[in-house]
Amino acid sequence: MKEVFVGVLLLYVLTLHSQDLHVQYEAITMDFELEETAETAKENPFSDYRLQVLFSHDGREYNVPGFYAADGDAANTSADHGSTWRVIFSPPNAGKWDYKVSFQKGQNMAMEEDPYLGEAIAPHHGKKGS
């Protein structure tokens, strides 16, 4: 009887613990459209642009870098040109998340640490929302 009780107790604890481990929140994907460019363009979309989105919720902040996504489906189309930049953020908890966009361009902007250098890209730079 003691072994059955311990087994049931262990199963109960594992069930409670596994429920905490499997909580997942849906990723937030944001696409930003600009003029069409290509991987071989004079202004390189990988090095001469910097897209970052600051997500905040309940005093927590995450500055998430974006990337050039070509046509938005390059994994399937193998596109080397397009007009889509993308940010993907998986929040650690549910709730209303605020965001602020920083989108700039300039020579080697992606490697630049100074957030004030570069040319702001309208209409996306400074955009805010929830």
N, C-alpha and C. Protein backbone atom coordinates (compact mmCIF):
# COMPACT_ATOMS: atom_id res chain seq x y z
N MET A 1 0.82 -1.20 0.00
CA MET A 1 0.00 0.00 0.00
C MET A 1 0.87 1.26 0.00
N LYS A 2 1.96 1.21 0.77
CA LYS A 2 2.87 2.34 0.84
C LYS A 2 3.47 2.63 -0.54
N GLU A 3 3.83 1.59 -1.30
CA GLU A 3 4.42 1.76 -2.62
C GLU A 3 3.42 2.38 -3.60
N VAL A 4 2.16 2.01 -3.50
CA VAL A 4 1.12 2.58 -4.36
C VAL A 4 0.97 4.06 -4.05
N PHE A 5 0.96 4.41 -2.75
CA PHE A 5 0.82 5.82 -2.35
C PHE A 5 1.99 6.64 -2.88
N VAL A 6 3.22 6.15 -2.74
CA VAL A 6 4.40 6.86 -3.23
C VAL A 6 4.34 7.00 -4.76
N GLY A 7 3.91 5.95 -5.44
CA GLY A 7 3.78 6.01 -6.89
C GLY A 7 2.77 7.04 -7.34
N VAL A 8 1.61 7.08 -6.68
CA VAL A 8 0.57 8.06 -7.01
C VAL A 8 1.05 9.48 -6.71
N LEU A 9 1.72 9.65 -5.58
CA LEU A 9 2.26 10.96 -5.21
C LEU A 9 3.30 11.42 -6.23
N LEU A 10 4.19 10.54 -6.63
CA LEU A 10 5.21 10.86 -7.62
C LEU A 10 4.57 11.24 -8.96
N LEU A 11 3.58 10.49 -9.38
CA LEU A 11 2.87 10.78 -10.62
C LEU A 11 2.19 12.15 -10.54
N TYR A 12 1.59 12.48 -9.42
CA TYR A 12 0.93 13.77 -9.21
C TYR A 12 1.95 14.91 -9.30
N VAL A 13 3.09 14.78 -8.64
CA VAL A 13 4.11 15.81 -8.65
C VAL A 13 4.68 15.99 -10.06
N LEU A 14 4.94 14.89 -10.75
CA LEU A 14 5.45 14.98 -12.12
C LEU A 14 4.44 15.64 -13.06
N THR A 15 3.17 15.35 -12.86
CA THR A 15 2.12 15.96 -13.68
C THR A 15 2.08 17.47 -13.46
N LEU A 16 2.12 17.90 -12.20
CA LEU A 16 2.13 19.33 -11.91
C LEU A 16 3.36 20.00 -12.50
N HIS A 17 4.51 19.38 -12.33
CA HIS A 17 5.76 19.94 -12.81
C HIS A 17 5.78 20.02 -14.34
N SER A 18 5.31 19.00 -15.00
CA SER A 18 5.34 18.99 -16.47
C SER A 18 4.40 20.03 -17.05
N GLN A 19 3.33 20.36 -16.34
CA GLN A 19 2.42 21.40 -16.84
C GLN A 19 3.14 22.74 -16.88
N ASP A 20 4.00 23.01 -15.90
CA ASP A 20 4.76 24.25 -15.89
C ASP A 20 5.80 24.27 -17.02
N LEU A 21 6.38 23.14 -17.32
CA LEU A 21 7.44 23.08 -18.32
C LEU A 21 6.92 23.22 -19.75
N HIS A 22 5.70 22.89 -20.01
CA HIS A 22 5.19 22.87 -21.38
C HIS A 22 4.37 24.10 -21.76
N VAL A 23 4.38 25.12 -20.92
CA VAL A 23 3.66 26.35 -21.26
C VAL A 23 4.44 27.05 -22.37
N GLN A 24 3.79 27.34 -23.48
CA GLN A 24 4.42 28.04 -24.58
C GLN A 24 3.54 29.19 -25.02
N TYR A 25 4.18 30.26 -25.44
CA TYR A 25 3.46 31.42 -25.93
C TYR A 25 3.77 31.57 -27.41
N GLU A 26 2.80 32.02 -28.15
CA GLU A 26 2.95 32.16 -29.59
C GLU A 26 3.96 33.25 -29.93
N ALA A 27 4.80 32.98 -30.89
CA ALA A 27 5.80 33.95 -31.33
C ALA A 27 5.12 35.13 -32.01
N ILE A 28 5.71 36.29 -31.82
CA ILE A 28 5.26 37.52 -32.47
C ILE A 28 6.16 37.73 -33.68
N THR A 29 5.58 37.77 -34.87
CA THR A 29 6.34 38.03 -36.09
C THR A 29 5.88 39.35 -36.67
N MET A 30 6.83 40.24 -36.91
CA MET A 30 6.51 41.54 -37.48
C MET A 30 7.30 41.69 -38.78
N ASP A 31 6.61 42.03 -39.86
CA ASP A 31 7.24 42.27 -41.15
C ASP A 31 7.21 43.76 -41.46
N PHE A 32 8.30 44.25 -42.04
CA PHE A 32 8.43 45.65 -42.43
C PHE A 32 8.79 45.68 -43.91
N GLU A 33 8.01 46.41 -44.69
CA GLU A 33 8.22 46.48 -46.13
C GLU A 33 8.94 47.79 -46.48
N LEU A 34 9.96 47.67 -47.33
CA LEU A 34 10.69 48.82 -47.88
C LEU A 34 10.76 48.66 -49.38
N GLU A 35 11.53 49.55 -50.02
CA GLU A 35 11.75 49.39 -51.45
C GLU A 35 12.51 48.09 -51.69
N GLU A 36 12.29 47.48 -52.83
CA GLU A 36 12.94 46.21 -53.13
C GLU A 36 14.45 46.39 -53.23
N THR A 37 15.16 45.40 -52.71
CA THR A 37 16.61 45.36 -52.78
C THR A 37 17.05 43.92 -53.01
N ALA A 38 18.34 43.70 -53.06
CA ALA A 38 18.85 42.34 -53.30
C ALA A 38 20.11 42.09 -52.47
N GLU A 39 20.44 40.83 -52.33
CA GLU A 39 21.64 40.46 -51.58
C GLU A 39 22.90 41.08 -52.19
N THR A 40 22.89 41.35 -53.48
CA THR A 40 24.05 41.90 -54.17
C THR A 40 23.97 43.41 -54.39
N ALA A 41 23.01 44.09 -53.77
CA ALA A 41 22.83 45.53 -53.94
C ALA A 41 24.01 46.31 -53.36
N LYS A 42 24.21 47.53 -53.88
CA LYS A 42 25.29 48.38 -53.38
C LYS A 42 25.12 48.62 -51.88
N GLU A 43 23.89 48.95 -51.45
CA GLU A 43 23.59 49.03 -50.01
C GLU A 43 23.19 47.62 -49.59
N ASN A 44 24.11 46.92 -48.96
CA ASN A 44 23.91 45.52 -48.60
C ASN A 44 22.83 45.40 -47.52
N PRO A 45 21.76 44.63 -47.76
CA PRO A 45 20.68 44.54 -46.77
C PRO A 45 21.10 43.83 -45.48
N PHE A 46 22.21 43.10 -45.51
CA PHE A 46 22.67 42.41 -44.31
C PHE A 46 23.59 43.27 -43.45
N SER A 47 24.37 44.13 -44.08
CA SER A 47 25.33 44.92 -43.30
C SER A 47 24.99 46.40 -43.20
N ASP A 48 24.25 46.95 -44.16
CA ASP A 48 24.01 48.39 -44.18
C ASP A 48 22.65 48.81 -43.63
N TYR A 49 21.92 47.90 -43.04
CA TYR A 49 20.63 48.19 -42.41
C TYR A 49 20.63 47.60 -41.01
N ARG A 50 19.96 48.29 -40.09
CA ARG A 50 19.80 47.74 -38.74
C ARG A 50 18.33 47.93 -38.31
N LEU A 51 17.69 46.81 -38.08
CA LEU A 51 16.31 46.79 -37.59
C LEU A 51 16.33 46.17 -36.19
N GLN A 52 15.78 46.89 -35.23
CA GLN A 52 15.65 46.37 -33.88
C GLN A 52 14.29 46.80 -33.35
N VAL A 53 13.65 45.90 -32.62
CA VAL A 53 12.37 46.23 -32.00
C VAL A 53 12.51 45.98 -30.51
N LEU A 54 12.18 47.01 -29.73
CA LEU A 54 12.22 46.92 -28.28
C LEU A 54 10.82 46.51 -27.80
N PHE A 55 10.72 45.32 -27.23
CA PHE A 55 9.47 44.83 -26.67
C PHE A 55 9.50 45.02 -25.16
N SER A 56 8.40 45.51 -24.58
CA SER A 56 8.36 45.71 -23.13
C SER A 56 7.01 45.27 -22.57
N HIS A 57 7.10 44.76 -21.33
CA HIS A 57 5.89 44.26 -20.65
C HIS A 57 6.23 44.13 -19.17
N ASP A 58 5.42 44.73 -18.32
CA ASP A 58 5.59 44.63 -16.86
C ASP A 58 7.02 44.90 -16.40
N GLY A 59 7.64 45.94 -16.94
CA GLY A 59 8.98 46.32 -16.52
C GLY A 59 10.11 45.52 -17.15
N ARG A 60 9.80 44.55 -17.96
CA ARG A 60 10.82 43.75 -18.65
C ARG A 60 10.97 44.27 -20.07
N GLU A 61 12.20 44.34 -20.57
CA GLU A 61 12.46 44.81 -21.93
C GLU A 61 13.36 43.83 -22.67
N TYR A 62 13.05 43.63 -23.94
CA TYR A 62 13.84 42.77 -24.81
C TYR A 62 14.06 43.52 -26.12
N ASN A 63 15.33 43.75 -26.46
CA ASN A 63 15.67 44.42 -27.71
C ASN A 63 16.00 43.33 -28.73
N VAL A 64 15.10 43.13 -29.69
CA VAL A 64 15.19 42.01 -30.61
C VAL A 64 15.66 42.48 -31.98
N PRO A 65 16.77 41.92 -32.49
CA PRO A 65 17.24 42.32 -33.82
C PRO A 65 16.38 41.71 -34.92
N GLY A 66 16.26 42.45 -36.01
CA GLY A 66 15.54 41.96 -37.17
C GLY A 66 16.50 41.50 -38.23
N PHE A 67 15.97 41.01 -39.34
CA PHE A 67 16.81 40.50 -40.42
C PHE A 67 16.11 40.72 -41.76
N TYR A 68 16.94 40.72 -42.81
CA TYR A 68 16.43 40.85 -44.17
C TYR A 68 15.84 39.50 -44.57
N ALA A 69 14.57 39.50 -44.96
CA ALA A 69 13.86 38.26 -45.29
C ALA A 69 13.55 38.16 -46.79
N ALA A 70 14.19 38.98 -47.60
CA ALA A 70 14.02 38.97 -49.06
C ALA A 70 12.54 39.09 -49.45
N ASP A 71 11.95 38.02 -50.02
CA ASP A 71 10.55 38.09 -50.44
C ASP A 71 9.59 37.67 -49.32
N GLY A 72 10.11 37.40 -48.14
CA GLY A 72 9.28 36.98 -47.01
C GLY A 72 9.08 35.47 -46.93
N ASP A 73 9.53 34.74 -47.95
CA ASP A 73 9.39 33.28 -47.98
C ASP A 73 10.63 32.65 -48.61
N ALA A 74 11.79 33.26 -48.36
CA ALA A 74 13.02 32.82 -49.02
C ALA A 74 13.41 31.39 -48.68
N ALA A 75 13.00 30.89 -47.54
CA ALA A 75 13.31 29.50 -47.19
C ALA A 75 12.70 28.54 -48.21
N ASN A 76 11.57 28.92 -48.78
CA ASN A 76 10.90 28.07 -49.76
C ASN A 76 11.15 28.48 -51.21
N THR A 77 11.42 29.77 -51.43
CA THR A 77 11.58 30.26 -52.80
C THR A 77 13.03 30.46 -53.21
N SER A 78 13.95 30.46 -52.24
CA SER A 78 15.38 30.73 -52.47
C SER A 78 15.59 32.12 -53.06
N ALA A 79 14.68 33.04 -52.78
CA ALA A 79 14.77 34.40 -53.30
C ALA A 79 16.03 35.09 -52.79
N ASP A 80 16.67 35.88 -53.66
CA ASP A 80 17.82 36.68 -53.24
C ASP A 80 17.50 38.17 -53.34
N HIS A 81 16.24 38.49 -53.56
CA HIS A 81 15.80 39.88 -53.61
C HIS A 81 14.38 39.97 -53.04
N GLY A 82 14.02 41.17 -52.63
CA GLY A 82 12.69 41.38 -52.08
C GLY A 82 12.66 42.66 -51.27
N SER A 83 11.59 42.86 -50.53
CA SER A 83 11.40 44.11 -49.80
C SER A 83 11.00 43.89 -48.34
N THR A 84 11.20 42.67 -47.82
CA THR A 84 10.72 42.34 -46.48
C THR A 84 11.85 42.22 -45.47
N TRP A 85 11.68 42.91 -44.36
CA TRP A 85 12.53 42.74 -43.18
C TRP A 85 11.64 42.17 -42.10
N ARG A 86 12.20 41.33 -41.21
CA ARG A 86 11.37 40.60 -40.25
C ARG A 86 12.01 40.57 -38.86
N VAL A 87 11.13 40.61 -37.86
CA VAL A 87 11.52 40.41 -36.45
C VAL A 87 10.64 39.31 -35.90
N ILE A 88 11.26 38.36 -35.20
CA ILE A 88 10.51 37.28 -34.54
C ILE A 88 10.85 37.29 -33.07
N PHE A 89 9.83 37.39 -32.23
CA PHE A 89 10.03 37.45 -30.77
C PHE A 89 9.10 36.43 -30.11
N SER A 90 9.67 35.59 -29.27
CA SER A 90 8.89 34.63 -28.48
C SER A 90 8.84 35.14 -27.05
N PRO A 91 7.74 35.75 -26.65
CA PRO A 91 7.67 36.33 -25.30
C PRO A 91 7.71 35.25 -24.22
N PRO A 92 8.36 35.56 -23.10
CA PRO A 92 8.45 34.58 -22.02
C PRO A 92 7.16 34.44 -21.23
N ASN A 93 6.22 35.37 -21.42
CA ASN A 93 4.94 35.25 -20.74
C ASN A 93 3.85 35.95 -21.55
N ALA A 94 2.63 35.53 -21.30
CA ALA A 94 1.48 36.09 -22.01
C ALA A 94 1.18 37.49 -21.50
N GLY A 95 0.45 38.24 -22.28
CA GLY A 95 0.04 39.58 -21.87
C GLY A 95 0.19 40.56 -23.01
N LYS A 96 -0.10 41.81 -22.72
CA LYS A 96 0.00 42.88 -23.70
C LYS A 96 1.44 43.38 -23.73
N TRP A 97 2.08 43.25 -24.88
CA TRP A 97 3.45 43.69 -25.08
C TRP A 97 3.46 44.97 -25.90
N ASP A 98 4.22 45.98 -25.46
CA ASP A 98 4.40 47.21 -26.21
C ASP A 98 5.67 47.06 -27.04
N TYR A 99 5.75 47.81 -28.14
CA TYR A 99 6.94 47.76 -28.97
C TYR A 99 7.31 49.13 -29.50
N LYS A 100 8.59 49.30 -29.77
CA LYS A 100 9.10 50.51 -30.43
C LYS A 100 10.16 50.07 -31.43
N VAL A 101 10.03 50.58 -32.66
CA VAL A 101 10.89 50.16 -33.77
C VAL A 101 12.03 51.14 -33.97
N SER A 102 13.22 50.59 -34.17
CA SER A 102 14.39 51.35 -34.61
C SER A 102 14.85 50.73 -35.92
N PHE A 103 14.80 51.51 -36.99
CA PHE A 103 15.18 51.00 -38.32
C PHE A 103 16.03 52.07 -38.99
N GLN A 104 17.32 51.75 -39.20
CA GLN A 104 18.25 52.72 -39.73
C GLN A 104 19.12 52.10 -40.82
N LYS A 105 19.71 52.97 -41.64
CA LYS A 105 20.64 52.48 -42.64
C LYS A 105 21.86 53.38 -42.69
N GLY A 106 22.95 52.80 -43.18
CA GLY A 106 24.23 53.49 -43.30
C GLY A 106 25.30 52.43 -43.49
N GLN A 107 26.47 52.84 -43.90
CA GLN A 107 27.55 51.89 -44.17
C GLN A 107 27.88 51.09 -42.91
N ASN A 108 27.79 49.78 -43.02
CA ASN A 108 28.06 48.84 -41.91
C ASN A 108 27.22 49.10 -40.67
N MET A 109 26.01 49.61 -40.87
CA MET A 109 25.11 49.95 -39.76
C MET A 109 24.81 48.75 -38.86
N ALA A 110 24.73 47.56 -39.41
CA ALA A 110 24.38 46.38 -38.61
C ALA A 110 25.41 46.11 -37.53
N MET A 111 26.65 46.53 -37.73
CA MET A 111 27.69 46.30 -36.75
C MET A 111 27.92 47.50 -35.83
N GLU A 112 27.27 48.59 -36.11
CA GLU A 112 27.46 49.83 -35.34
C GLU A 112 26.77 49.72 -33.98
N GLU A 113 27.49 50.11 -32.93
CA GLU A 113 26.92 50.04 -31.58
C GLU A 113 26.18 51.30 -31.18
N ASP A 114 26.51 52.44 -31.80
CA ASP A 114 25.88 53.71 -31.44
C ASP A 114 24.47 53.75 -32.04
N PRO A 115 23.43 53.77 -31.18
CA PRO A 115 22.05 53.76 -31.69
C PRO A 115 21.62 55.05 -32.37
N TYR A 116 22.45 56.11 -32.29
CA TYR A 116 22.07 57.39 -32.86
C TYR A 116 22.69 57.64 -34.24
N LEU A 117 23.57 56.76 -34.68
CA LEU A 117 24.16 56.93 -36.00
C LEU A 117 23.26 56.33 -37.07
N GLY A 118 23.43 56.81 -38.28
CA GLY A 118 22.66 56.27 -39.40
C GLY A 118 21.46 57.10 -39.75
N GLU A 119 20.89 56.79 -40.89
CA GLU A 119 19.72 57.48 -41.41
C GLU A 119 18.47 56.70 -41.02
N ALA A 120 17.54 57.38 -40.35
CA ALA A 120 16.27 56.74 -39.96
C ALA A 120 15.47 56.39 -41.21
N ILE A 121 14.90 55.22 -41.21
CA ILE A 121 14.12 54.75 -42.35
C ILE A 121 12.62 54.97 -42.08
N ALA A 122 12.04 55.90 -42.84
CA ALA A 122 10.62 56.16 -42.73
C ALA A 122 9.88 55.12 -43.56
N PRO A 123 8.70 54.76 -43.21
CA PRO A 123 7.90 55.24 -42.09
C PRO A 123 8.05 54.38 -40.84
N HIS A 124 9.02 53.47 -40.82
CA HIS A 124 9.09 52.49 -39.74
C HIS A 124 9.82 52.97 -38.49
N HIS A 125 10.90 53.75 -38.66
CA HIS A 125 11.71 54.17 -37.51
C HIS A 125 10.84 54.99 -36.55
N GLY A 126 10.85 54.60 -35.29
CA GLY A 126 10.09 55.31 -34.27
C GLY A 126 8.66 54.83 -34.10
N LYS A 127 8.22 53.91 -34.94
CA LYS A 127 6.85 53.38 -34.85
C LYS A 127 6.67 52.70 -33.50
N LYS A 128 5.50 52.91 -32.88
CA LYS A 128 5.18 52.31 -31.58
C LYS A 128 3.83 51.64 -31.66
N GLY A 129 3.60 50.70 -30.76
CA GLY A 129 2.31 50.06 -30.70
C GLY A 129 2.27 49.01 -29.61
N SER A 130 1.20 48.24 -29.61
CA SER A 130 1.02 47.16 -28.62
C SER A 130 0.52 45.91 -29.31
